[in-house]
Amino acid sequence: MLYHLGRYTLLLKSTVARPERFSMYYKETMRQMDAIGVGSVFIVLLISVFIGMVTAVQFADQLGDSFIPSYYIGYIVRDITIIEMAPTITCLVLAGKVGSNLAAEIGGMRQKEHIDAMEIMGVNTAAYLVMPKLIAAVLVIPLLVAISAFVSIIGGYIATVLPGDLSHTEYVLGLRSFFVPRYVFIMFVKAAVFAFLLTSVSCYFGYYVRGGSIELGEASTSAVVVSNVLILLFDFIIALLLT
C-alpha cells in the first residue's frame, strides 16, 4: 500500500512539475471532455431518473402512515439527491465507465511502447497523458453531477405526482422548503474531489501496467475498485468536514 501511495504521489509530482506547452494540451483536453462528458450523459441520465424515482417511492411509503406532511417527500428527495446521491452514485458509475477506459487507454500505450518512444523524444509523458484527463474530468464531471441532481428531482416528481400519490403543489412546496445553499457547495466539492480521484487513480494503474492483456485487464479492474473505495472514503471525510 505504501509502495503504491509513494509511486502515485511521484506520478502526480511529475504531472505538475514540468508541464508541456498549452497548445499540446488543448486538443487532448477537448477530446477528453467530449469522451468523459458527452459520452457519459446518457448513462448519467438513466441512472439519475431511477435514483430519484426509487428515493421518492421509498420515502412516500415510509411517511404514508405518519403525521409528517406529505410535501416533505419533495424536501427529502431534494436534499438527499444534492448532498449524497448525485455526486456519489454518479462518480461511482463514472469510475466504472471512465476509469476503466482511461486505464486501458494509457496501459495500451505503455504495452505498445508509445510512452517509451515519447520519453525518448523528451516529452514529459506523465504531464502529457495525465494532465489533460485531470483537467477535463474536474471541469466536466461536476456538470454531470449537477445534471444528475436535476434529473433525480424530476424522477421523484414522475414517481409521485404522475400516479397521483402527491400533488404538483405539494411536491414543489417540498422542493422550495428549508433550502440550504451550502448543500449545493458540498455537492460540487464532492464532485471535484471524486473526479480527481477516479481520473488520477485510473491513469496511475494504466501508466505503470506491465505484461500483456491479462495484466492490462487486472489494471483496469484495480483502477475501478480502488477508485470506488477512495470515493466512498473521501465521501465520509468530506461529510465530516463540511456538515
C-alpha atoms as a PDB file:
ATOM      1  CA  MET A   1       0.000   0.000   0.000  1.00  0.00           C
ATOM      2  CA  LEU A   2       2.790   2.435   0.904  1.00  0.00           C
ATOM      3  CA  TYR A   3       4.620   1.469  -2.283  1.00  0.00           C
ATOM      4  CA  HIS A   4       1.616   2.355  -4.452  1.00  0.00           C
ATOM      5  CA  LEU A   5       0.922   5.514  -2.454  1.00  0.00           C
ATOM      6  CA  GLY A   6       4.507   6.710  -2.942  1.00  0.00           C
ATOM      7  CA  ARG A   7       4.546   5.911  -6.647  1.00  0.00           C
ATOM      8  CA  TYR A   8       1.148   7.556  -7.104  1.00  0.00           C
ATOM      9  CA  THR A   9       2.468  10.708  -5.394  1.00  0.00           C
ATOM     10  CA  LEU A  10       5.547  10.729  -7.618  1.00  0.00           C
ATOM     11  CA  LEU A  11       3.346  10.416 -10.708  1.00  0.00           C
ATOM     12  CA  LEU A  12       1.293  13.439  -9.638  1.00  0.00           C
ATOM     13  CA  LYS A  13       4.503  15.342  -8.934  1.00  0.00           C
ATOM     14  CA  SER A  14       5.785  14.570 -12.426  1.00  0.00           C
ATOM     15  CA  THR A  15       2.438  15.602 -13.865  1.00  0.00           C
ATOM     16  CA  VAL A  16       2.633  19.152 -12.470  1.00  0.00           C
ATOM     17  CA  ALA A  17       6.402  19.620 -12.169  1.00  0.00           C
ATOM     18  CA  ARG A  18       7.260  20.135 -15.849  1.00  0.00           C
ATOM     19  CA  PRO A  19       4.111  20.696 -17.894  1.00  0.00           C
ATOM     20  CA  GLU A  20       4.264  20.791 -21.667  1.00  0.00           C
ATOM     21  CA  ARG A  21       3.089  23.702 -23.814  1.00  0.00           C
ATOM     22  CA  PHE A  22      -0.568  24.661 -23.588  1.00  0.00           C
ATOM     23  CA  SER A  23      -1.021  24.004 -27.304  1.00  0.00           C
ATOM     24  CA  MET A  24      -0.174  20.353 -26.678  1.00  0.00           C
ATOM     25  CA  TYR A  25      -2.876  20.142 -24.027  1.00  0.00           C
ATOM     26  CA  TYR A  26      -5.747  21.897 -25.760  1.00  0.00           C
ATOM     27  CA  LYS A  27      -6.839  19.319 -28.335  1.00  0.00           C
ATOM     28  CA  GLU A  28      -6.373  16.404 -25.963  1.00  0.00           C
ATOM     29  CA  THR A  29      -8.308  18.192 -23.215  1.00  0.00           C
ATOM     30  CA  MET A  30     -11.184  18.883 -25.614  1.00  0.00           C
ATOM     31  CA  ARG A  31     -11.182  15.249 -26.713  1.00  0.00           C
ATOM     32  CA  GLN A  32     -11.266  14.032 -23.129  1.00  0.00           C
ATOM     33  CA  MET A  33     -14.054  16.459 -22.220  1.00  0.00           C
ATOM     34  CA  ASP A  34     -16.101  15.040 -25.071  1.00  0.00           C
ATOM     35  CA  ALA A  35     -15.329  11.427 -24.115  1.00  0.00           C
ATOM     36  CA  ILE A  36     -15.897  11.873 -20.382  1.00  0.00           C
ATOM     37  CA  GLY A  37     -18.752  14.373 -20.507  1.00  0.00           C
ATOM     38  CA  VAL A  38     -20.783  13.902 -23.663  1.00  0.00           C
ATOM     39  CA  GLY A  39     -20.053  10.185 -23.757  1.00  0.00           C
ATOM     40  CA  SER A  40     -21.426   9.702 -20.247  1.00  0.00           C
ATOM     41  CA  VAL A  41     -24.564  11.854 -20.412  1.00  0.00           C
ATOM     42  CA  PHE A  42     -26.946   9.025 -21.330  1.00  0.00           C
ATOM     43  CA  ILE A  43     -25.888   6.653 -18.562  1.00  0.00           C
ATOM     44  CA  VAL A  44     -25.981   9.505 -16.017  1.00  0.00           C
ATOM     45  CA  LEU A  45     -29.495  10.486 -17.105  1.00  0.00           C
ATOM     46  CA  LEU A  46     -30.729   6.901 -16.976  1.00  0.00           C
ATOM     47  CA  ILE A  47     -29.334   6.189 -13.525  1.00  0.00           C
ATOM     48  CA  SER A  48     -30.360   9.553 -12.076  1.00  0.00           C
ATOM     49  CA  VAL A  49     -34.012   9.348 -13.055  1.00  0.00           C
ATOM     50  CA  PHE A  50     -34.346   5.933 -11.425  1.00  0.00           C
ATOM     51  CA  ILE A  51     -32.492   7.098  -8.305  1.00  0.00           C
ATOM     52  CA  GLY A  52     -34.997   9.931  -7.923  1.00  0.00           C
ATOM     53  CA  MET A  53     -37.952   7.652  -8.564  1.00  0.00           C
ATOM     54  CA  VAL A  54     -36.843   4.999  -6.083  1.00  0.00           C
ATOM     55  CA  THR A  55     -35.985   7.567  -3.403  1.00  0.00           C
ATOM     56  CA  ALA A  56     -39.367   9.267  -3.732  1.00  0.00           C
ATOM     57  CA  VAL A  57     -41.319   5.994  -3.685  1.00  0.00           C
ATOM     58  CA  GLN A  58     -39.431   4.675  -0.663  1.00  0.00           C
ATOM     59  CA  PHE A  59     -39.902   7.829   1.393  1.00  0.00           C
ATOM     60  CA  ALA A  60     -43.529   8.132   0.338  1.00  0.00           C
ATOM     61  CA  ASP A  61     -44.063   4.635   1.717  1.00  0.00           C
ATOM     62  CA  GLN A  62     -42.206   5.476   4.935  1.00  0.00           C
ATOM     63  CA  LEU A  63     -44.232   8.657   5.505  1.00  0.00           C
ATOM     64  CA  GLY A  64     -47.545   7.147   4.486  1.00  0.00           C
ATOM     65  CA  ASP A  65     -48.761   6.192   7.989  1.00  0.00           C
ATOM     66  CA  SER A  66     -47.144   9.056   9.873  1.00  0.00           C
ATOM     67  CA  PHE A  67     -48.239  12.558  10.790  1.00  0.00           C
ATOM     68  CA  ILE A  68     -45.412  14.153   8.753  1.00  0.00           C
ATOM     69  CA  PRO A  69     -46.788  16.371   5.949  1.00  0.00           C
ATOM     70  CA  SER A  70     -46.648  14.742   2.527  1.00  0.00           C
ATOM     71  CA  TYR A  71     -44.781  17.686   0.982  1.00  0.00           C
ATOM     72  CA  TYR A  72     -41.728  16.532   2.955  1.00  0.00           C
ATOM     73  CA  ILE A  73     -41.213  13.964   0.205  1.00  0.00           C
ATOM     74  CA  GLY A  74     -40.028  16.691  -2.167  1.00  0.00           C
ATOM     75  CA  TYR A  75     -37.840  18.174   0.557  1.00  0.00           C
ATOM     76  CA  ILE A  76     -36.215  14.813   1.335  1.00  0.00           C
ATOM     77  CA  VAL A  77     -35.671  13.900  -2.325  1.00  0.00           C
ATOM     78  CA  ARG A  78     -34.057  17.290  -2.982  1.00  0.00           C
ATOM     79  CA  ASP A  79     -31.616  17.187  -0.075  1.00  0.00           C
ATOM     80  CA  ILE A  80     -30.584  13.536  -0.282  1.00  0.00           C
ATOM     81  CA  THR A  81     -30.065  13.925  -4.024  1.00  0.00           C
ATOM     82  CA  ILE A  82     -27.948  17.068  -3.738  1.00  0.00           C
ATOM     83  CA  ILE A  83     -25.885  16.002  -0.735  1.00  0.00           C
ATOM     84  CA  GLU A  84     -25.284  12.335  -1.448  1.00  0.00           C
ATOM     85  CA  MET A  85     -26.920  10.559  -4.343  1.00  0.00           C
ATOM     86  CA  ALA A  86     -25.953  12.811  -7.246  1.00  0.00           C
ATOM     87  CA  PRO A  87     -22.210  13.210  -6.531  1.00  0.00           C
ATOM     88  CA  THR A  88     -21.514   9.784  -5.043  1.00  0.00           C
ATOM     89  CA  ILE A  89     -23.566   7.463  -7.236  1.00  0.00           C
ATOM     90  CA  THR A  90     -22.682   9.377 -10.402  1.00  0.00           C
ATOM     91  CA  CYS A  91     -18.957   9.210  -9.679  1.00  0.00           C
ATOM     92  CA  LEU A  92     -19.133   5.530  -8.705  1.00  0.00           C
ATOM     93  CA  VAL A  93     -20.693   4.822 -12.076  1.00  0.00           C
ATOM     94  CA  LEU A  94     -18.159   7.022 -13.885  1.00  0.00           C
ATOM     95  CA  ALA A  95     -15.336   5.212 -12.100  1.00  0.00           C
ATOM     96  CA  GLY A  96     -16.511   2.049 -13.813  1.00  0.00           C
ATOM     97  CA  LYS A  97     -17.113   3.598 -17.220  1.00  0.00           C
ATOM     98  CA  VAL A  98     -14.484   6.335 -17.480  1.00  0.00           C
ATOM     99  CA  GLY A  99     -11.888   4.927 -15.089  1.00  0.00           C
ATOM    100  CA  SER A 100     -11.560   1.553 -16.788  1.00  0.00           C
ATOM    101  CA  ASN A 101     -11.368   3.275 -20.178  1.00  0.00           C
ATOM    102  CA  LEU A 102      -8.563   5.609 -19.060  1.00  0.00           C
ATOM    103  CA  ALA A 103      -6.587   2.758 -17.505  1.00  0.00           C
ATOM    104  CA  ALA A 104      -6.958   0.662 -20.664  1.00  0.00           C
ATOM    105  CA  GLU A 105      -6.044   3.591 -22.939  1.00  0.00           C
ATOM    106  CA  ILE A 106      -2.830   4.512 -21.130  1.00  0.00           C
ATOM    107  CA  GLY A 107      -1.997   0.875 -20.381  1.00  0.00           C
ATOM    108  CA  GLY A 108      -2.273   0.025 -24.080  1.00  0.00           C
ATOM    109  CA  MET A 109       0.127   2.839 -24.898  1.00  0.00           C
ATOM    110  CA  ARG A 110       2.567   1.508 -22.298  1.00  0.00           C
ATOM    111  CA  GLN A 111       2.401  -2.024 -23.691  1.00  0.00           C
ATOM    112  CA  LYS A 112       2.884  -0.861 -27.282  1.00  0.00           C
ATOM    113  CA  GLU A 113       5.885   1.237 -26.138  1.00  0.00           C
ATOM    114  CA  HIS A 114       4.298   4.512 -27.257  1.00  0.00           C
ATOM    115  CA  ILE A 115       5.102   6.034 -23.875  1.00  0.00           C
ATOM    116  CA  ASP A 116       8.733   4.892 -24.104  1.00  0.00           C
ATOM    117  CA  ALA A 117       9.007   6.461 -27.557  1.00  0.00           C
ATOM    118  CA  MET A 118       7.646   9.796 -26.301  1.00  0.00           C
ATOM    119  CA  GLU A 119      10.074   9.767 -23.367  1.00  0.00           C
ATOM    120  CA  ILE A 120      12.983   9.255 -25.778  1.00  0.00           C
ATOM    121  CA  MET A 121      11.740  12.332 -27.681  1.00  0.00           C
ATOM    122  CA  GLY A 122      11.938  14.350 -24.449  1.00  0.00           C
ATOM    123  CA  VAL A 123       8.216  14.575 -23.775  1.00  0.00           C
ATOM    124  CA  ASN A 124       7.079  14.584 -20.152  1.00  0.00           C
ATOM    125  CA  THR A 125       4.660  11.703 -20.639  1.00  0.00           C
ATOM    126  CA  ALA A 126       3.117  11.986 -17.172  1.00  0.00           C
ATOM    127  CA  ALA A 127       2.088  15.573 -17.867  1.00  0.00           C
ATOM    128  CA  TYR A 128       1.078  14.972 -21.480  1.00  0.00           C
ATOM    129  CA  LEU A 129      -1.057  11.893 -20.774  1.00  0.00           C
ATOM    130  CA  VAL A 130      -2.467  12.601 -17.303  1.00  0.00           C
ATOM    131  CA  MET A 131      -2.905  16.374 -17.042  1.00  0.00           C
ATOM    132  CA  PRO A 132      -5.455  16.801 -19.896  1.00  0.00           C
ATOM    133  CA  LYS A 133      -7.543  13.996 -18.432  1.00  0.00           C
ATOM    134  CA  LEU A 134      -7.463  15.557 -14.971  1.00  0.00           C
ATOM    135  CA  ILE A 135      -8.420  18.993 -16.300  1.00  0.00           C
ATOM    136  CA  ALA A 136     -11.241  17.562 -18.410  1.00  0.00           C
ATOM    137  CA  ALA A 137     -12.633  15.432 -15.575  1.00  0.00           C
ATOM    138  CA  VAL A 138     -12.544  18.191 -12.950  1.00  0.00           C
ATOM    139  CA  LEU A 139     -14.364  20.531 -15.355  1.00  0.00           C
ATOM    140  CA  VAL A 140     -16.922  18.130 -16.800  1.00  0.00           C
ATOM    141  CA  ILE A 141     -17.852  15.721 -14.002  1.00  0.00           C
ATOM    142  CA  PRO A 142     -19.291  18.460 -11.702  1.00  0.00           C
ATOM    143  CA  LEU A 143     -21.538  19.436 -14.624  1.00  0.00           C
ATOM    144  CA  LEU A 144     -22.669  15.820 -14.944  1.00  0.00           C
ATOM    145  CA  VAL A 145     -23.368  15.754 -11.195  1.00  0.00           C
ATOM    146  CA  ALA A 146     -25.486  18.914 -11.478  1.00  0.00           C
ATOM    147  CA  ILE A 147     -27.448  17.315 -14.326  1.00  0.00           C
ATOM    148  CA  SER A 148     -27.824  14.174 -12.228  1.00  0.00           C
ATOM    149  CA  ALA A 149     -29.292  16.133  -9.297  1.00  0.00           C
ATOM    150  CA  PHE A 150     -31.767  17.927 -11.557  1.00  0.00           C
ATOM    151  CA  VAL A 151     -32.881  14.733 -13.295  1.00  0.00           C
ATOM    152  CA  SER A 152     -33.210  12.863  -9.989  1.00  0.00           C
ATOM    153  CA  ILE A 153     -35.592  15.519  -8.700  1.00  0.00           C
ATOM    154  CA  ILE A 154     -37.600  15.157 -11.911  1.00  0.00           C
ATOM    155  CA  GLY A 155     -37.587  11.387 -11.382  1.00  0.00           C
ATOM    156  CA  GLY A 156     -39.074  11.880  -7.926  1.00  0.00           C
ATOM    157  CA  TYR A 157     -41.760  14.068  -9.481  1.00  0.00           C
ATOM    158  CA  ILE A 158     -42.583  11.412 -12.068  1.00  0.00           C
ATOM    159  CA  ALA A 159     -42.840   8.649  -9.450  1.00  0.00           C
ATOM    160  CA  THR A 160     -45.084  10.519  -7.015  1.00  0.00           C
ATOM    161  CA  VAL A 161     -47.032  13.254  -8.821  1.00  0.00           C
ATOM    162  CA  LEU A 162     -47.968  11.447 -12.034  1.00  0.00           C
ATOM    163  CA  PRO A 163     -49.506   8.412 -10.256  1.00  0.00           C
ATOM    164  CA  GLY A 164     -51.459  10.810  -8.026  1.00  0.00           C
ATOM    165  CA  ASP A 165     -49.772   9.991  -4.703  1.00  0.00           C
ATOM    166  CA  LEU A 166     -48.772  13.635  -4.350  1.00  0.00           C
ATOM    167  CA  SER A 167     -50.000  16.835  -5.927  1.00  0.00           C
ATOM    168  CA  HIS A 168     -47.826  19.101  -8.042  1.00  0.00           C
ATOM    169  CA  THR A 169     -48.207  21.903  -5.485  1.00  0.00           C
ATOM    170  CA  GLU A 170     -47.122  19.685  -2.582  1.00  0.00           C
ATOM    171  CA  TYR A 171     -44.031  18.371  -4.361  1.00  0.00           C
ATOM    172  CA  VAL A 172     -42.928  21.850  -5.445  1.00  0.00           C
ATOM    173  CA  LEU A 173     -43.586  23.160  -1.931  1.00  0.00           C
ATOM    174  CA  GLY A 174     -41.277  20.469  -0.579  1.00  0.00           C
ATOM    175  CA  LEU A 175     -38.581  21.372  -3.098  1.00  0.00           C
ATOM    176  CA  ARG A 176     -38.732  25.024  -2.017  1.00  0.00           C
ATOM    177  CA  SER A 177     -38.846  24.370   1.745  1.00  0.00           C
ATOM    178  CA  PHE A 178     -35.853  24.549   4.109  1.00  0.00           C
ATOM    179  CA  PHE A 179     -33.357  25.012   1.300  1.00  0.00           C
ATOM    180  CA  VAL A 180     -29.716  25.326   2.418  1.00  0.00           C
ATOM    181  CA  PRO A 181     -27.488  26.760  -0.358  1.00  0.00           C
ATOM    182  CA  ARG A 182     -24.384  25.305   1.322  1.00  0.00           C
ATOM    183  CA  TYR A 183     -25.550  21.827   0.290  1.00  0.00           C
ATOM    184  CA  VAL A 184     -25.006  22.746  -3.353  1.00  0.00           C
ATOM    185  CA  PHE A 185     -21.459  23.837  -2.489  1.00  0.00           C
ATOM    186  CA  ILE A 186     -20.890  20.475  -0.769  1.00  0.00           C
ATOM    187  CA  MET A 187     -22.173  18.685  -3.865  1.00  0.00           C
ATOM    188  CA  PHE A 188     -19.691  20.446  -6.147  1.00  0.00           C
ATOM    189  CA  VAL A 189     -16.806  19.913  -3.704  1.00  0.00           C
ATOM    190  CA  LYS A 190     -17.564  16.198  -3.660  1.00  0.00           C
ATOM    191  CA  ALA A 191     -17.862  16.106  -7.443  1.00  0.00           C
ATOM    192  CA  ALA A 192     -14.488  17.819  -7.986  1.00  0.00           C
ATOM    193  CA  VAL A 193     -12.678  15.641  -5.429  1.00  0.00           C
ATOM    194  CA  PHE A 194     -14.215  12.434  -6.764  1.00  0.00           C
ATOM    195  CA  ALA A 195     -13.393  13.452 -10.345  1.00  0.00           C
ATOM    196  CA  PHE A 196      -9.747  13.993  -9.416  1.00  0.00           C
ATOM    197  CA  LEU A 197      -9.571  10.677  -7.572  1.00  0.00           C
ATOM    198  CA  LEU A 198     -11.150   8.457 -10.197  1.00  0.00           C
ATOM    199  CA  THR A 199      -9.121  10.039 -13.015  1.00  0.00           C
ATOM    200  CA  SER A 200      -5.721  10.106 -11.318  1.00  0.00           C
ATOM    201  CA  VAL A 201      -6.026   6.602  -9.870  1.00  0.00           C
ATOM    202  CA  SER A 202      -7.116   5.150 -13.212  1.00  0.00           C
ATOM    203  CA  CYS A 203      -4.245   6.891 -15.005  1.00  0.00           C
ATOM    204  CA  TYR A 204      -1.834   5.597 -12.360  1.00  0.00           C
ATOM    205  CA  PHE A 205      -2.798   1.961 -12.872  1.00  0.00           C
ATOM    206  CA  GLY A 206      -2.645   2.344 -16.642  1.00  0.00           C
ATOM    207  CA  TYR A 207       0.650   4.228 -16.640  1.00  0.00           C
ATOM    208  CA  TYR A 208       2.548   1.576 -14.684  1.00  0.00           C
ATOM    209  CA  VAL A 209       0.984  -1.542 -16.204  1.00  0.00           C
ATOM    210  CA  ARG A 210       3.386  -4.301 -17.187  1.00  0.00           C
ATOM    211  CA  GLY A 211       2.922  -7.552 -19.089  1.00  0.00           C
ATOM    212  CA  GLY A 212       0.225  -8.487 -21.597  1.00  0.00           C
ATOM    213  CA  SER A 213      -3.516  -8.420 -21.971  1.00  0.00           C
ATOM    214  CA  ILE A 214      -4.157 -10.212 -18.669  1.00  0.00           C
ATOM    215  CA  GLU A 215      -2.193  -7.618 -16.724  1.00  0.00           C
ATOM    216  CA  LEU A 216      -3.979  -4.832 -18.601  1.00  0.00           C
ATOM    217  CA  GLY A 217      -7.340  -6.304 -17.613  1.00  0.00           C
ATOM    218  CA  GLU A 218      -6.208  -6.584 -13.999  1.00  0.00           C
ATOM    219  CA  ALA A 219      -5.031  -2.957 -14.062  1.00  0.00           C
ATOM    220  CA  SER A 220      -8.425  -1.790 -15.348  1.00  0.00           C
ATOM    221  CA  THR A 221     -10.209  -3.795 -12.659  1.00  0.00           C
ATOM    222  CA  SER A 222      -7.895  -2.468  -9.936  1.00  0.00           C
ATOM    223  CA  ALA A 223      -8.457   1.091 -11.152  1.00  0.00           C
ATOM    224  CA  VAL A 224     -12.228   0.731 -10.775  1.00  0.00           C
ATOM    225  CA  VAL A 225     -12.073  -0.997  -7.380  1.00  0.00           C
ATOM    226  CA  VAL A 226      -9.561   1.392  -5.817  1.00  0.00           C
ATOM    227  CA  SER A 227     -11.366   4.436  -7.237  1.00  0.00           C
ATOM    228  CA  ASN A 228     -14.672   3.276  -5.753  1.00  0.00           C
ATOM    229  CA  VAL A 229     -13.119   2.651  -2.345  1.00  0.00           C
ATOM    230  CA  LEU A 230     -11.431   6.069  -2.321  1.00  0.00           C
ATOM    231  CA  ILE A 231     -14.637   7.799  -3.431  1.00  0.00           C
ATOM    232  CA  LEU A 232     -16.543   6.267  -0.516  1.00  0.00           C
ATOM    233  CA  LEU A 233     -13.718   7.074   1.906  1.00  0.00           C
ATOM    234  CA  PHE A 234     -13.482  10.716   0.855  1.00  0.00           C
ATOM    235  CA  ASP A 235     -17.267  10.952   0.828  1.00  0.00           C
ATOM    236  CA  PHE A 236     -17.172  10.201   4.544  1.00  0.00           C
ATOM    237  CA  ILE A 237     -14.270  12.608   5.153  1.00  0.00           C
ATOM    238  CA  ILE A 238     -15.947  15.479   3.286  1.00  0.00           C
ATOM    239  CA  ALA A 239     -19.181  14.803   5.168  1.00  0.00           C
ATOM    240  CA  LEU A 240     -17.305  15.093   8.474  1.00  0.00           C
ATOM    241  CA  LEU A 241     -15.566  18.305   7.451  1.00  0.00           C
ATOM    242  CA  LEU A 242     -18.410  20.181   5.773  1.00  0.00           C
ATOM    243  CA  THR A 243     -21.607  19.112   7.568  1.00  0.00           C
END
